[in-house]
Amino acid sequence: MSPKWSSCKGLAAIPGTTGFDVGELLDGTSNAAFAYRVVAKRKGFEDRSLDCCAAAEQDSCLFPELREKELREHEEKQERMVHATPVGSEE
């Protein structure tokens, strides 16, 4: 899943009985629009896999740890901005 707003803190699919619900990570409340992709195994071919391409290695939908890294870097950047000394206020 990919949120369409930068203010979203990431998304998670929560399994239900007939589908899934989408919730925002880190107690987020952005109500962001999102895109999603369904990936499934074809019945009778469950043991087969497709070859991986180089572009897939950068896909945070396939490798959620990439999204987690992006979120940590964003939070660190925000923290640095909060603690930065405003221009013209040097002592």
C-alpha atoms as a PDB file:
ATOM      1  CA  MET A   1       0.000   0.000   0.000  1.00  0.00           C
ATOM      2  CA  SER A   2       1.213   3.469  -0.808  1.00  0.00           C
ATOM      3  CA  PRO A   3      -0.239   6.546   0.899  1.00  0.00           C
ATOM      4  CA  LYS A   4      -0.946   9.486  -1.403  1.00  0.00           C
ATOM      5  CA  TRP A   5      -0.164  12.125   1.270  1.00  0.00           C
ATOM      6  CA  SER A   6       3.249  12.800   2.772  1.00  0.00           C
ATOM      7  CA  SER A   7       1.663  13.450   6.185  1.00  0.00           C
ATOM      8  CA  CYS A   8       0.661   9.763   6.443  1.00  0.00           C
ATOM      9  CA  LYS A   9       2.928   7.737   8.755  1.00  0.00           C
ATOM     10  CA  GLY A  10       2.542   4.488   6.810  1.00  0.00           C
ATOM     11  CA  LEU A  11      -0.272   1.989   6.355  1.00  0.00           C
ATOM     12  CA  ALA A  12      -1.092  -1.541   7.472  1.00  0.00           C
ATOM     13  CA  ALA A  13      -3.633  -4.064   6.163  1.00  0.00           C
ATOM     14  CA  ILE A  14      -5.740  -5.579   8.942  1.00  0.00           C
ATOM     15  CA  PRO A  15      -7.276  -8.921   7.888  1.00  0.00           C
ATOM     16  CA  GLY A  16     -11.038  -9.312   8.198  1.00  0.00           C
ATOM     17  CA  THR A  17     -13.432 -12.176   7.486  1.00  0.00           C
ATOM     18  CA  THR A  18     -14.209 -11.116   3.895  1.00  0.00           C
ATOM     19  CA  GLY A  19     -11.438  -8.639   3.115  1.00  0.00           C
ATOM     20  CA  PHE A  20      -9.216  -6.206   4.939  1.00  0.00           C
ATOM     21  CA  ASP A  21      -9.280  -2.835   6.658  1.00  0.00           C
ATOM     22  CA  VAL A  22      -6.518  -0.271   6.314  1.00  0.00           C
ATOM     23  CA  GLY A  23      -5.059   1.460   9.354  1.00  0.00           C
ATOM     24  CA  GLU A  24      -2.373   4.101   9.720  1.00  0.00           C
ATOM     25  CA  LEU A  25       0.839   3.221  11.551  1.00  0.00           C
ATOM     26  CA  LEU A  26       2.330   5.058  14.545  1.00  0.00           C
ATOM     27  CA  ASP A  27      -1.102   6.193  15.777  1.00  0.00           C
ATOM     28  CA  GLY A  28      -1.447   8.402  12.692  1.00  0.00           C
ATOM     29  CA  THR A  29      -4.754  10.138  11.908  1.00  0.00           C
ATOM     30  CA  SER A  30      -4.174  11.594   8.423  1.00  0.00           C
ATOM     31  CA  ASN A  31      -7.157   9.918   6.650  1.00  0.00           C
ATOM     32  CA  ALA A  32      -4.919   9.747   3.556  1.00  0.00           C
ATOM     33  CA  ALA A  33      -5.948   8.324   0.215  1.00  0.00           C
ATOM     34  CA  PHE A  34      -3.849   5.332  -0.817  1.00  0.00           C
ATOM     35  CA  ALA A  35      -3.082   2.948  -3.652  1.00  0.00           C
ATOM     36  CA  TYR A  36      -2.646  -0.783  -3.192  1.00  0.00           C
ATOM     37  CA  ARG A  37      -1.585  -3.813  -5.174  1.00  0.00           C
ATOM     38  CA  VAL A  38      -2.871  -7.339  -4.682  1.00  0.00           C
ATOM     39  CA  VAL A  39      -0.303 -10.125  -4.997  1.00  0.00           C
ATOM     40  CA  ALA A  40      -1.413 -13.746  -4.967  1.00  0.00           C
ATOM     41  CA  LYS A  41      -0.298 -17.232  -5.910  1.00  0.00           C
ATOM     42  CA  ARG A  42      -2.141 -18.928  -8.764  1.00  0.00           C
ATOM     43  CA  LYS A  43      -3.948 -22.067  -7.639  1.00  0.00           C
ATOM     44  CA  GLY A  44      -1.934 -25.117  -8.641  1.00  0.00           C
ATOM     45  CA  PHE A  45       1.296 -23.061  -8.928  1.00  0.00           C
ATOM     46  CA  GLU A  46       1.831 -22.234  -5.245  1.00  0.00           C
ATOM     47  CA  ASP A  47       5.405 -23.613  -5.251  1.00  0.00           C
ATOM     48  CA  ARG A  48       6.595 -21.502  -8.203  1.00  0.00           C
ATOM     49  CA  SER A  49       8.070 -18.012  -7.974  1.00  0.00           C
ATOM     50  CA  LEU A  50       8.744 -15.339 -10.555  1.00  0.00           C
ATOM     51  CA  ASP A  51      12.277 -14.109 -11.082  1.00  0.00           C
ATOM     52  CA  CYS A  52      13.126 -10.945  -9.153  1.00  0.00           C
ATOM     53  CA  CYS A  53      14.156  -7.861 -11.133  1.00  0.00           C
ATOM     54  CA  ALA A  54      16.463  -5.065  -9.910  1.00  0.00           C
ATOM     55  CA  ALA A  55      13.587  -2.541  -9.704  1.00  0.00           C
ATOM     56  CA  ALA A  56      11.767  -4.780  -7.214  1.00  0.00           C
ATOM     57  CA  GLU A  57      14.650  -4.446  -4.753  1.00  0.00           C
ATOM     58  CA  GLN A  58      13.683  -0.774  -4.230  1.00  0.00           C
ATOM     59  CA  ASP A  59       9.930  -1.447  -3.904  1.00  0.00           C
ATOM     60  CA  SER A  60       8.789  -0.711  -0.343  1.00  0.00           C
ATOM     61  CA  CYS A  61       5.604  -2.699  -1.010  1.00  0.00           C
ATOM     62  CA  LEU A  62       7.687  -5.842  -1.510  1.00  0.00           C
ATOM     63  CA  PHE A  63      10.233  -4.976   1.173  1.00  0.00           C
ATOM     64  CA  PRO A  64       8.435  -3.120   4.016  1.00  0.00           C
ATOM     65  CA  GLU A  65      11.737  -2.556   5.820  1.00  0.00           C
ATOM     66  CA  LEU A  66      12.535   0.029   3.120  1.00  0.00           C
ATOM     67  CA  ARG A  67       9.417   2.000   4.135  1.00  0.00           C
ATOM     68  CA  GLU A  68      10.378   1.698   7.803  1.00  0.00           C
ATOM     69  CA  LYS A  69      13.810   3.121   6.974  1.00  0.00           C
ATOM     70  CA  GLU A  70      12.191   6.020   5.058  1.00  0.00           C
ATOM     71  CA  LEU A  71       9.937   6.769   8.037  1.00  0.00           C
ATOM     72  CA  ARG A  72      12.873   6.745  10.491  1.00  0.00           C
ATOM     73  CA  GLU A  73      14.886   9.074   8.225  1.00  0.00           C
ATOM     74  CA  HIS A  74      11.887  11.413   7.901  1.00  0.00           C
ATOM     75  CA  GLU A  75      11.384  11.484  11.683  1.00  0.00           C
ATOM     76  CA  GLU A  76      15.099  12.196  12.236  1.00  0.00           C
ATOM     77  CA  LYS A  77      14.967  15.036   9.699  1.00  0.00           C
ATOM     78  CA  GLN A  78      11.879  16.512  11.414  1.00  0.00           C
ATOM     79  CA  GLU A  79      13.619  16.253  14.797  1.00  0.00           C
ATOM     80  CA  ARG A  80      16.716  18.069  13.459  1.00  0.00           C
ATOM     81  CA  MET A  81      14.503  20.831  12.057  1.00  0.00           C
ATOM     82  CA  VAL A  82      12.734  21.293  15.402  1.00  0.00           C
ATOM     83  CA  HIS A  83      16.041  21.651  17.245  1.00  0.00           C
ATOM     84  CA  ALA A  84      17.792  23.773  14.608  1.00  0.00           C
ATOM     85  CA  THR A  85      18.832  27.302  15.570  1.00  0.00           C
ATOM     86  CA  PRO A  86      16.781  29.866  13.615  1.00  0.00           C
ATOM     87  CA  VAL A  87      18.760  32.112  11.268  1.00  0.00           C
ATOM     88  CA  GLY A  88      19.663  35.420  12.931  1.00  0.00           C
ATOM     89  CA  SER A  89      19.276  34.113  16.480  1.00  0.00           C
ATOM     90  CA  GLU A  90      22.915  33.172  17.066  1.00  0.00           C
ATOM     91  CA  GLU A  91      24.321  34.494  20.323  1.00  0.00           C
END
